[in-house]
PDB file of N, CA and C in Angstrom:
ATOM      1  N   MET A   1     -10.464  24.086  84.438  1.00  0.00           N
ATOM      2  CA  MET A   1     -10.828  25.103  85.382  1.00  0.00           C
ATOM      3  C   MET A   1     -10.412  24.683  86.783  1.00  0.00           C
ATOM      4  N   ARG A   2      -9.993  25.686  87.489  1.00  0.00           N
ATOM      5  CA  ARG A   2      -9.571  25.422  88.853  1.00  0.00           C
ATOM      6  C   ARG A   2     -10.717  25.768  89.811  1.00  0.00           C
ATOM      7  N   PRO A   3     -11.033  24.943  90.770  1.00  0.00           N
ATOM      8  CA  PRO A   3     -12.122  25.219  91.702  1.00  0.00           C
ATOM      9  C   PRO A   3     -11.784  26.335  92.677  1.00  0.00           C
ATOM     10  N   SER A   4     -10.501  26.623  92.885  1.00  0.00           N
ATOM     11  CA  SER A   4     -10.121  27.663  93.846  1.00  0.00           C
ATOM     12  C   SER A   4     -10.453  29.059  93.315  1.00  0.00           C
ATOM     13  N   VAL A   5     -10.554  29.247  91.998  1.00  0.00           N
ATOM     14  CA  VAL A   5     -10.872  30.549  91.416  1.00  0.00           C
ATOM     15  C   VAL A   5     -12.295  30.951  91.782  1.00  0.00           C
ATOM     16  N   THR A   6     -13.238  30.032  91.674  1.00  0.00           N
ATOM     17  CA  THR A   6     -14.613  30.355  92.032  1.00  0.00           C
ATOM     18  C   THR A   6     -14.752  30.569  93.537  1.00  0.00           C
ATOM     19  N   GLY A   7     -14.003  29.820  94.318  1.00  0.00           N
ATOM     20  CA  GLY A   7     -14.021  30.007  95.778  1.00  0.00           C
ATOM     21  C   GLY A   7     -13.436  31.360  96.159  1.00  0.00           C
ATOM     22  N   PHE A   8     -12.373  31.754  95.466  1.00  0.00           N
ATOM     23  CA  PHE A   8     -11.747  33.054  95.728  1.00  0.00           C
ATOM     24  C   PHE A   8     -12.688  34.190  95.347  1.00  0.00           C
ATOM     25  N   ALA A   9     -13.436  34.032  94.246  1.00  0.00           N
ATOM     26  CA  ALA A   9     -14.386  35.067  93.834  1.00  0.00           C
ATOM     27  C   ALA A   9     -15.499  35.211  94.865  1.00  0.00           C
ATOM     28  N   LEU A  10     -15.945  34.105  95.432  1.00  0.00           N
ATOM     29  CA  LEU A  10     -16.988  34.148  96.456  1.00  0.00           C
ATOM     30  C   LEU A  10     -16.484  34.838  97.718  1.00  0.00           C
ATOM     31  N   VAL A  11     -15.250  34.535  98.113  1.00  0.00           N
ATOM     32  CA  VAL A  11     -14.655  35.179  99.289  1.00  0.00           C
ATOM     33  C   VAL A  11     -14.492  36.680  99.040  1.00  0.00           C
ATOM     34  N   ARG A  12     -14.090  37.015  97.825  1.00  0.00           N
ATOM     35  CA  ARG A  12     -13.924  38.428  97.465  1.00  0.00           C
ATOM     36  C   ARG A  12     -15.254  39.175  97.523  1.00  0.00           C
ATOM     37  N   GLN A  13     -16.301  38.545  97.039  1.00  0.00           N
ATOM     38  CA  GLN A  13     -17.607  39.181  97.071  1.00  0.00           C
ATOM     39  C   GLN A  13     -18.111  39.332  98.506  1.00  0.00           C
ATOM     40  N   LEU A  14     -17.900  38.329  99.325  1.00  0.00           N
ATOM     41  CA  LEU A  14     -18.304  38.421 100.730  1.00  0.00           C
ATOM     42  C   LEU A  14     -17.509  39.503 101.459  1.00  0.00           C
ATOM     43  N   LEU A  15     -16.225  39.556 101.170  1.00  0.00           N
ATOM     44  CA  LEU A  15     -15.388  40.593 101.789  1.00  0.00           C
ATOM     45  C   LEU A  15     -15.835  41.987 101.348  1.00  0.00           C
ATOM     46  N   ALA A  16     -16.163  42.141 100.078  1.00  0.00           N
ATOM     47  CA  ALA A  16     -16.647  43.432  99.574  1.00  0.00           C
ATOM     48  C   ALA A  16     -17.969  43.798 100.227  1.00  0.00           C
ATOM     49  N   LEU A  17     -18.832  42.817 100.431  1.00  0.00           N
ATOM     50  CA  LEU A  17     -20.111  43.065 101.090  1.00  0.00           C
ATOM     51  C   LEU A  17     -19.911  43.499 102.541  1.00  0.00           C
ATOM     52  N   VAL A  18     -19.020  42.841 103.245  1.00  0.00           N
ATOM     53  CA  VAL A  18     -18.752  43.186 104.644  1.00  0.00           C
ATOM     54  C   VAL A  18     -18.116  44.582 104.749  1.00  0.00           C
ATOM     55  N   VAL A  19     -17.136  44.843 103.903  1.00  0.00           N
ATOM     56  CA  VAL A  19     -16.480  46.165 103.933  1.00  0.00           C
ATOM     57  C   VAL A  19     -17.465  47.264 103.523  1.00  0.00           C
ATOM     58  N   GLY A  20     -18.259  47.017 102.504  1.00  0.00           N
ATOM     59  CA  GLY A  20     -19.253  48.004 102.071  1.00  0.00           C
ATOM     60  C   GLY A  20     -20.293  48.268 103.146  1.00  0.00           C
ATOM     61  N   GLY A  21     -20.762  47.204 103.790  1.00  0.00           N
ATOM     62  CA  GLY A  21     -21.719  47.370 104.897  1.00  0.00           C
ATOM     63  C   GLY A  21     -21.111  48.145 106.053  1.00  0.00           C
ATOM     64  N   GLY A  22     -19.849  47.843 106.355  1.00  0.00           N
ATOM     65  CA  GLY A  22     -19.159  48.572 107.430  1.00  0.00           C
ATOM     66  C   GLY A  22     -19.010  50.048 107.102  1.00  0.00           C
ATOM     67  N   LEU A  23     -18.646  50.346 105.861  1.00  0.00           N
ATOM     68  CA  LEU A  23     -18.526  51.746 105.449  1.00  0.00           C
ATOM     69  C   LEU A  23     -19.877  52.455 105.491  1.00  0.00           C
ATOM     70  N   PHE A  24     -20.943  51.743 105.123  1.00  0.00           N
ATOM     71  CA  PHE A  24     -22.278  52.333 105.178  1.00  0.00           C
ATOM     72  C   PHE A  24     -22.663  52.665 106.618  1.00  0.00           C
ATOM     73  N   ILE A  25     -22.422  51.732 107.536  1.00  0.00           N
ATOM     74  CA  ILE A  25     -22.726  51.966 108.953  1.00  0.00           C
ATOM     75  C   ILE A  25     -21.880  53.117 109.493  1.00  0.00           C
ATOM     76  N   LEU A  26     -20.615  53.172 109.117  1.00  0.00           N
ATOM     77  CA  LEU A  26     -19.733  54.248 109.555  1.00  0.00           C
ATOM     78  C   LEU A  26     -20.215  55.601 109.029  1.00  0.00           C
ATOM     79  N   ALA A  27     -20.634  55.650 107.775  1.00  0.00           N
ATOM     80  CA  ALA A  27     -21.155  56.897 107.201  1.00  0.00           C
ATOM     81  C   ALA A  27     -22.455  57.312 107.880  1.00  0.00           C
ATOM     82  N   LEU A  28     -23.297  56.347 108.217  1.00  0.00           N
ATOM     83  CA  LEU A  28     -24.555  56.642 108.902  1.00  0.00           C
ATOM     84  C   LEU A  28     -24.292  57.224 110.287  1.00  0.00           C
ATOM     85  N   VAL A  29     -23.377  56.642 111.018  1.00  0.00           N
ATOM     86  CA  VAL A  29     -23.032  57.148 112.351  1.00  0.00           C
ATOM     87  C   VAL A  29     -22.421  58.538 112.242  1.00  0.00           C
ATOM     88  N   PHE A  30     -21.535  58.728 111.289  1.00  0.00           N
ATOM     89  CA  PHE A  30     -20.910  60.036 111.104  1.00  0.00           C
ATOM     90  C   PHE A  30     -21.950  61.103 110.778  1.00  0.00           C
ATOM     91  N   SER A  31     -22.905  60.778 109.897  1.00  0.00           N
ATOM     92  CA  SER A  31     -23.927  61.765 109.535  1.00  0.00           C
ATOM     93  C   SER A  31     -24.834  62.080 110.728  1.00  0.00           C
ATOM     94  N   LEU A  32     -25.149  61.076 111.545  1.00  0.00           N
ATOM     95  CA  LEU A  32     -25.959  61.332 112.735  1.00  0.00           C
ATOM     96  C   LEU A  32     -25.234  62.257 113.710  1.00  0.00           C
ATOM     97  N   VAL A  33     -23.957  62.024 113.900  1.00  0.00           N
ATOM     98  CA  VAL A  33     -23.169  62.890 114.788  1.00  0.00           C
ATOM     99  C   VAL A  33     -23.094  64.300 114.214  1.00  0.00           C
ATOM    100  N   LEU A  34     -22.858  64.405 112.917  1.00  0.00           N
ATOM    101  CA  LEU A  34     -22.749  65.716 112.278  1.00  0.00           C
ATOM    102  C   LEU A  34     -24.059  66.489 112.373  1.00  0.00           C
ATOM    103  N   PHE A  35     -25.178  65.849 112.040  1.00  0.00           N
ATOM    104  CA  PHE A  35     -26.473  66.530 112.095  1.00  0.00           C
ATOM    105  C   PHE A  35     -26.862  66.882 113.529  1.00  0.00           C
ATOM    106  N   SER A  36     -26.498  66.045 114.478  1.00  0.00           N
ATOM    107  CA  SER A  36     -26.769  66.360 115.885  1.00  0.00           C
ATOM    108  C   SER A  36     -25.973  67.580 116.322  1.00  0.00           C
ATOM    109  N   ALA A  37     -24.716  67.640 115.922  1.00  0.00           N
ATOM    110  CA  ALA A  37     -23.885  68.788 116.278  1.00  0.00           C
ATOM    111  C   ALA A  37     -24.417  70.063 115.634  1.00  0.00           C
ATOM    112  N   LEU A  38     -24.821  69.986 114.376  1.00  0.00           N
ATOM    113  CA  LEU A  38     -25.376  71.169 113.707  1.00  0.00           C
ATOM    114  C   LEU A  38     -26.674  71.619 114.357  1.00  0.00           C
ATOM    115  N   ALA A  39     -27.519  70.681 114.757  1.00  0.00           N
ATOM    116  CA  ALA A  39     -28.765  71.035 115.439  1.00  0.00           C
ATOM    117  C   ALA A  39     -28.463  71.670 116.792  1.00  0.00           C
ATOM    118  N   PHE A  40     -27.509  71.137 117.515  1.00  0.00           N
ATOM    119  CA  PHE A  40     -27.126  71.694 118.811  1.00  0.00           C
ATOM    120  C   PHE A  40     -26.606  73.117 118.656  1.00  0.00           C
ATOM    121  N   ILE A  41     -25.760  73.348 117.666  1.00  0.00           N
ATOM    122  CA  ILE A  41     -25.221  74.686 117.423  1.00  0.00           C
ATOM    123  C   ILE A  41     -26.335  75.637 116.991  1.00  0.00           C
ATOM    124  N   GLY A  42     -27.229  75.172 116.130  1.00  0.00           N
ATOM    125  CA  GLY A  42     -28.344  76.008 115.677  1.00  0.00           C
ATOM    126  C   GLY A  42     -29.263  76.405 116.810  1.00  0.00           C
ATOM    127  N   PHE A  43     -29.636  75.445 117.659  1.00  0.00           N
ATOM    128  CA  PHE A  43     -30.490  75.766 118.800  1.00  0.00           C
ATOM    129  C   PHE A  43     -29.767  76.669 119.791  1.00  0.00           C
ATOM    130  N   GLY A  44     -28.474  76.491 119.921  1.00  0.00           N
ATOM    131  CA  GLY A  44     -27.693  77.373 120.787  1.00  0.00           C
ATOM    132  C   GLY A  44     -27.713  78.807 120.274  1.00  0.00           C
ATOM    133  N   PHE A  45     -27.560  78.967 118.971  1.00  0.00           N
ATOM    134  CA  PHE A  45     -27.597  80.307 118.383  1.00  0.00           C
ATOM    135  C   PHE A  45     -28.979  80.937 118.548  1.00  0.00           C
ATOM    136  N   LEU A  46     -30.036  80.152 118.323  1.00  0.00           N
ATOM    137  CA  LEU A  46     -31.386  80.686 118.497  1.00  0.00           C
ATOM    138  C   LEU A  46     -31.638  81.085 119.949  1.00  0.00           C
ATOM    139  N   GLY A  47     -31.161  80.286 120.887  1.00  0.00           N
ATOM    140  CA  GLY A  47     -31.293  80.634 122.304  1.00  0.00           C
ATOM    141  C   GLY A  47     -30.537  81.905 122.641  1.00  0.00           C
ATOM    142  N   TYR A  48     -29.333  82.036 122.124  1.00  0.00           N
ATOM    143  CA  TYR A  48     -28.541  83.248 122.349  1.00  0.00           C
ATOM    144  C   TYR A  48     -29.251  84.464 121.760  1.00  0.00           C
ATOM    145  N   PHE A  49     -29.776  84.355 120.558  1.00  0.00           N
ATOM    146  CA  PHE A  49     -30.485  85.459 119.908  1.00  0.00           C
ATOM    147  C   PHE A  49     -31.739  85.827 120.696  1.00  0.00           C
ATOM    148  N   TRP A  50     -32.473  84.823 121.164  1.00  0.00           N
ATOM    149  CA  TRP A  50     -33.682  85.064 121.961  1.00  0.00           C
ATOM    150  C   TRP A  50     -33.313  85.789 123.253  1.00  0.00           C
ATOM    151  N   TRP A  51     -32.233  85.384 123.896  1.00  0.00           N
ATOM    152  CA  TRP A  51     -31.817  85.987 125.155  1.00  0.00           C
ATOM    153  C   TRP A  51     -31.369  87.439 124.948  1.00  0.00           C
ATOM    154  N   LYS A  52     -30.656  87.717 123.873  1.00  0.00           N
ATOM    155  CA  LYS A  52     -30.155  89.065 123.624  1.00  0.00           C
ATOM    156  C   LYS A  52     -31.257  90.037 123.205  1.00  0.00           C
ATOM    157  N   THR A  53     -32.358  89.541 122.643  1.00  0.00           N
ATOM    158  CA  THR A  53     -33.420  90.436 122.170  1.00  0.00           C
ATOM    159  C   THR A  53     -34.594  90.513 123.144  1.00  0.00           C
ATOM    160  N   ARG A  54     -34.449  89.961 124.347  1.00  0.00           N
ATOM    161  CA  ARG A  54     -35.581  89.960 125.280  1.00  0.00           C
ATOM    162  C   ARG A  54     -35.948  91.372 125.733  1.00  0.00           C
ATOM    163  N   ALA A  55     -34.978  92.258 125.932  1.00  0.00           N
ATOM    164  CA  ALA A  55     -35.280  93.635 126.344  1.00  0.00           C
ATOM    165  C   ALA A  55     -36.001  94.384 125.221  1.00  0.00           C
ATOM    166  N   LEU A  56     -35.593  94.160 124.004  1.00  0.00           N
ATOM    167  CA  LEU A  56     -36.244  94.809 122.868  1.00  0.00           C
ATOM    168  C   LEU A  56     -37.684  94.332 122.732  1.00  0.00           C
ATOM    169  N   ARG A  57     -37.915  93.027 122.881  1.00  0.00           N
ATOM    170  CA  ARG A  57     -39.283  92.499 122.800  1.00  0.00           C
ATOM    171  C   ARG A  57     -40.150  93.052 123.920  1.00  0.00           C
ATOM    172  N   GLN A  58     -39.587  93.213 125.117  1.00  0.00           N
ATOM    173  CA  GLN A  58     -40.337  93.775 126.242  1.00  0.00           C
ATOM    174  C   GLN A  58     -40.692  95.230 125.972  1.00  0.00           C
ATOM    175  N   ALA A  59     -39.763  96.019 125.425  1.00  0.00           N
ATOM    176  CA  ALA A  59     -40.034  97.431 125.119  1.00  0.00           C
ATOM    177  C   ALA A  59     -41.118  97.552 124.050  1.00  0.00           C
ATOM    178  N   ILE A  60     -41.075  96.701 123.052  1.00  0.00           N
ATOM    179  CA  ILE A  60     -42.103  96.731 121.999  1.00  0.00           C
ATOM    180  C   ILE A  60     -43.464  96.361 122.580  1.00  0.00           C
ATOM    181  N   ARG A  61     -43.496  95.370 123.459  1.00  0.00           N
ATOM    182  CA  ARG A  61     -44.745  94.949 124.085  1.00  0.00           C
ATOM    183  C   ARG A  61     -45.328  96.075 124.945  1.00  0.00           C
ATOM    184  N   GLU A  62     -44.468  96.755 125.723  1.00  0.00           N
ATOM    185  CA  GLU A  62     -44.937  97.861 126.563  1.00  0.00           C
ATOM    186  C   GLU A  62     -45.441  99.027 125.718  1.00  0.00           C
ATOM    187  N   GLN A  63     -44.755  99.331 124.626  1.00  0.00           N
ATOM    188  CA  GLN A  63     -45.171 100.419 123.754  1.00  0.00           C
ATOM    189  C   GLN A  63     -46.501 100.105 123.084  1.00  0.00           C
ATOM    190  N   ALA A  64     -46.717  98.865 122.714  1.00  0.00           N
ATOM    191  CA  ALA A  64     -47.982  98.477 122.092  1.00  0.00           C
ATOM    192  C   ALA A  64     -49.132  98.566 123.088  1.00  0.00           C
ATOM    193  N   MET A  65     -48.865  98.234 124.351  1.00  0.00           N
ATOM    194  CA  MET A  65     -49.908  98.312 125.373  1.00  0.00           C
ATOM    195  C   MET A  65     -50.244  99.762 125.719  1.00  0.00           C
ATOM    196  N   ALA A  66     -49.264 100.656 125.674  1.00  0.00           N
ATOM    197  CA  ALA A  66     -49.478 102.055 126.032  1.00  0.00           C
ATOM    198  C   ALA A  66     -50.265 102.793 124.965  1.00  0.00           C
ATOM    199  N   GLY A  67     -50.162 102.377 123.730  1.00  0.00           N
ATOM    200  CA  GLY A  67     -50.864 103.050 122.642  1.00  0.00           C
ATOM    201  C   GLY A  67     -50.079 104.247 122.152  1.00  0.00           C
ATOM    202  N   PRO A  68     -50.664 104.983 121.196  1.00  0.00           N
ATOM    203  CA  PRO A  68     -49.947 106.152 120.665  1.00  0.00           C
ATOM    204  C   PRO A  68     -49.856 107.263 121.706  1.00  0.00           C
ATOM    205  N   THR A  69     -48.743 107.969 121.698  1.00  0.00           N
ATOM    206  CA  THR A  69     -48.531 109.063 122.644  1.00  0.00           C
ATOM    207  C   THR A  69     -48.597 110.395 121.915  1.00  0.00           C
ATOM    208  N   ALA A  70     -48.777 111.463 122.678  1.00  0.00           N
ATOM    209  CA  ALA A  70     -48.896 112.795 122.086  1.00  0.00           C
ATOM    210  C   ALA A  70     -47.568 113.289 121.527  1.00  0.00           C
ATOM    211  N   ASP A  71     -46.464 112.840 122.081  1.00  0.00           N
ATOM    212  CA  ASP A  71     -45.164 113.318 121.613  1.00  0.00           C
ATOM    213  C   ASP A  71     -44.582 112.437 120.512  1.00  0.00           C
ATOM    214  N   SER A  72     -45.371 111.548 119.967  1.00  0.00           N
ATOM    215  CA  SER A  72     -44.850 110.706 118.888  1.00  0.00           C
ATOM    216  C   SER A  72     -44.697 111.539 117.621  1.00  0.00           C
ATOM    217  N   ALA A  73     -44.002 111.010 116.669  1.00  0.00           N
ATOM    218  CA  ALA A  73     -43.695 111.762 115.446  1.00  0.00           C
ATOM    219  C   ALA A  73     -44.953 112.096 114.653  1.00  0.00           C
ATOM    220  N   THR A  74     -45.921 111.206 114.643  1.00  0.00           N
ATOM    221  CA  THR A  74     -47.127 111.489 113.871  1.00  0.00           C
ATOM    222  C   THR A  74     -48.028 112.461 114.609  1.00  0.00           C
ATOM    223  N   ALA A  75     -48.327 112.242 115.844  1.00  0.00           N
ATOM    224  CA  ALA A  75     -49.116 113.122 116.713  1.00  0.00           C
ATOM    225  C   ALA A  75     -50.399 113.594 116.037  1.00  0.00           C
ATOM    226  N   GLY A  76     -50.943 112.862 115.117  1.00  0.00           N
ATOM    227  CA  GLY A  76     -52.211 113.206 114.510  1.00  0.00           C
ATOM    228  C   GLY A  76     -52.161 114.342 113.515  1.00  0.00           C
ATOM    229  N   GLU A  77     -50.989 114.784 113.106  1.00  0.00           N
ATOM    230  CA  GLU A  77     -50.876 115.885 112.158  1.00  0.00           C
ATOM    231  C   GLU A  77     -50.952 115.340 110.732  1.00  0.00           C
ATOM    232  N   VAL A  78     -51.660 116.081 109.893  1.00  0.00           N
ATOM    233  CA  VAL A  78     -51.746 115.720 108.485  1.00  0.00           C
ATOM    234  C   VAL A  78     -51.183 116.876 107.681  1.00  0.00           C
ATOM    235  N   ILE A  79     -50.233 116.595 106.845  1.00  0.00           N
ATOM    236  CA  ILE A  79     -49.640 117.630 106.002  1.00  0.00           C
ATOM    237  C   ILE A  79     -50.184 117.437 104.604  1.00  0.00           C
ATOM    238  N   GLU A  80     -50.853 118.469 104.104  1.00  0.00           N
ATOM    239  CA  GLU A  80     -51.409 118.388 102.766  1.00  0.00           C
ATOM    240  C   GLU A  80     -50.639 119.318 101.842  1.00  0.00           C
ATOM    241  N   GLY A  81     -50.640 119.005 100.573  1.00  0.00           N
ATOM    242  CA  GLY A  81     -49.954 119.857  99.620  1.00  0.00           C
ATOM    243  C   GLY A  81     -50.203 119.394  98.206  1.00  0.00           C
ATOM    244  N   GLU A  82     -49.730 120.199  97.275  1.00  0.00           N
ATOM    245  CA  GLU A  82     -49.851 119.863  95.868  1.00  0.00           C
ATOM    246  C   GLU A  82     -48.481 119.910  95.238  1.00  0.00           C
ATOM    247  N   ALA A  83     -48.344 119.163  94.185  1.00  0.00           N
ATOM    248  CA  ALA A  83     -47.103 119.173  93.426  1.00  0.00           C
ATOM    249  C   ALA A  83     -47.451 119.401  91.970  1.00  0.00           C
ATOM    250  N   VAL A  84     -46.715 120.304  91.348  1.00  0.00           N
ATOM    251  CA  VAL A  84     -46.931 120.602  89.933  1.00  0.00           C
ATOM    252  C   VAL A  84     -45.634 120.309  89.203  1.00  0.00           C
ATOM    253  N   VAL A  85     -45.721 119.516  88.177  1.00  0.00           N
ATOM    254  CA  VAL A  85     -44.553 119.181  87.386  1.00  0.00           C
ATOM    255  C   VAL A  85     -44.531 120.100  86.184  1.00  0.00           C
ATOM    256  N   VAL A  86     -43.451 120.852  86.057  1.00  0.00           N
ATOM    257  CA  VAL A  86     -43.306 121.779  84.939  1.00  0.00           C
ATOM    258  C   VAL A  86     -42.295 121.179  83.982  1.00  0.00           C
ATOM    259  N   GLU A  87     -42.738 120.981  82.748  1.00  0.00           N
ATOM    260  CA  GLU A  87     -41.843 120.434  81.744  1.00  0.00           C
ATOM    261  C   GLU A  87     -41.489 121.541  80.763  1.00  0.00           C
ATOM    262  N   GLU A  88     -40.221 121.696  80.527  1.00  0.00           N
ATOM    263  CA  GLU A  88     -39.745 122.704  79.578  1.00  0.00           C
ATOM    264  C   GLU A  88     -38.906 122.005  78.526  1.00  0.00           C
ATOM    265  N   SER A  89     -39.011 122.474  77.340  1.00  0.00           N
ATOM    266  CA  SER A  89     -38.155 121.918  76.299  1.00  0.00           C
ATOM    267  C   SER A  89     -36.861 122.716  76.259  1.00  0.00           C
ATOM    268  N   ARG A  90     -35.874 122.204  75.646  1.00  0.00           N
ATOM    269  CA  ARG A  90     -34.566 122.863  75.590  1.00  0.00           C
ATOM    270  C   ARG A  90     -34.646 124.170  74.793  1.00  0.00           C
ATOM    271  N   SER A  91     -35.516 124.210  73.789  1.00  0.00           N
ATOM    272  CA  SER A  91     -35.603 125.424  72.978  1.00  0.00           C
ATOM    273  C   SER A  91     -36.162 126.581  73.811  1.00  0.00           C
ATOM    274  N   GLU A  92     -37.132 126.311  74.689  1.00  0.00           N
ATOM    275  CA  GLU A  92     -37.670 127.371  75.550  1.00  0.00           C
ATOM    276  C   GLU A  92     -36.607 127.875  76.512  1.00  0.00           C
ATOM    277  N   VAL A  93     -35.839 126.969  77.057  1.00  0.00           N
ATOM    278  CA  VAL A  93     -34.773 127.363  77.979  1.00  0.00           C
ATOM    279  C   VAL A  93     -33.740 128.191  77.238  1.00  0.00           C
ATOM    280  N   LYS A  94     -33.427 127.840  76.008  1.00  0.00           N
ATOM    281  CA  LYS A  94     -32.446 128.566  75.223  1.00  0.00           C
ATOM    282  C   LYS A  94     -32.953 129.984  74.907  1.00  0.00           C
ATOM    283  N   GLN A  95     -34.241 130.101  74.590  1.00  0.00           N
ATOM    284  CA  GLN A  95     -34.813 131.428  74.310  1.00  0.00           C
ATOM    285  C   GLN A  95     -34.799 132.296  75.538  1.00  0.00           C
ATOM    286  N   ILE A  96     -35.118 131.732  76.699  1.00  0.00           N
ATOM    287  CA  ILE A  96     -35.133 132.523  77.927  1.00  0.00           C
ATOM    288  C   ILE A  96     -33.726 133.002  78.254  1.00  0.00           C
ATOM    289  N   THR A  97     -32.730 132.179  78.079  1.00  0.00           N
ATOM    290  CA  THR A  97     -31.373 132.595  78.387  1.00  0.00           C
ATOM    291  C   THR A  97     -30.873 133.645  77.398  1.00  0.00           C
ATOM    292  N   GLN A  98     -31.333 133.575  76.158  1.00  0.00           N
ATOM    293  CA  GLN A  98     -30.942 134.594  75.175  1.00  0.00           C
ATOM    294  C   GLN A  98     -31.614 135.928  75.487  1.00  0.00           C
ATOM    295  N   GLU A  99     -32.871 135.889  75.956  1.00  0.00           N
ATOM    296  CA  GLU A  99     -33.569 137.135  76.286  1.00  0.00           C
ATOM    297  C   GLU A  99     -32.939 137.814  77.495  1.00  0.00           C
ATOM    298  N   VAL A 100     -32.462 137.039  78.439  1.00  0.00           N
ATOM    299  CA  VAL A 100     -31.858 137.593  79.637  1.00  0.00           C
ATOM    300  C   VAL A 100     -30.517 138.205  79.307  1.00  0.00           C
ATOM    301  N   SER A 101     -29.787 137.668  78.358  1.00  0.00           N
ATOM    302  CA  SER A 101     -28.456 138.160  78.038  1.00  0.00           C
ATOM    303  C   SER A 101     -28.456 139.473  77.346  1.00  0.00           C
TER     304      SER A 101
END
């Protein structure tokens, strides 16, 4: 057995450990940058949406404070009625059409 083979295996394992650790640190930094960018974009979109809907929120708030108005669609009217479902069989319809003819 040659002693350099075991020494080479140890160097190879140390090199693999260093490269693997470096790749892990690089992946960690990349993921932190990526998640930070996504959070920044998400908060930017939420801020933009909040800014664009501020007039709508103000109108809804004012309408809720004013209460119902007389010219609103409901205006306190109640429409009552009945519905009757008439079921006819095909034979009755056929007899009626024959009598009319």
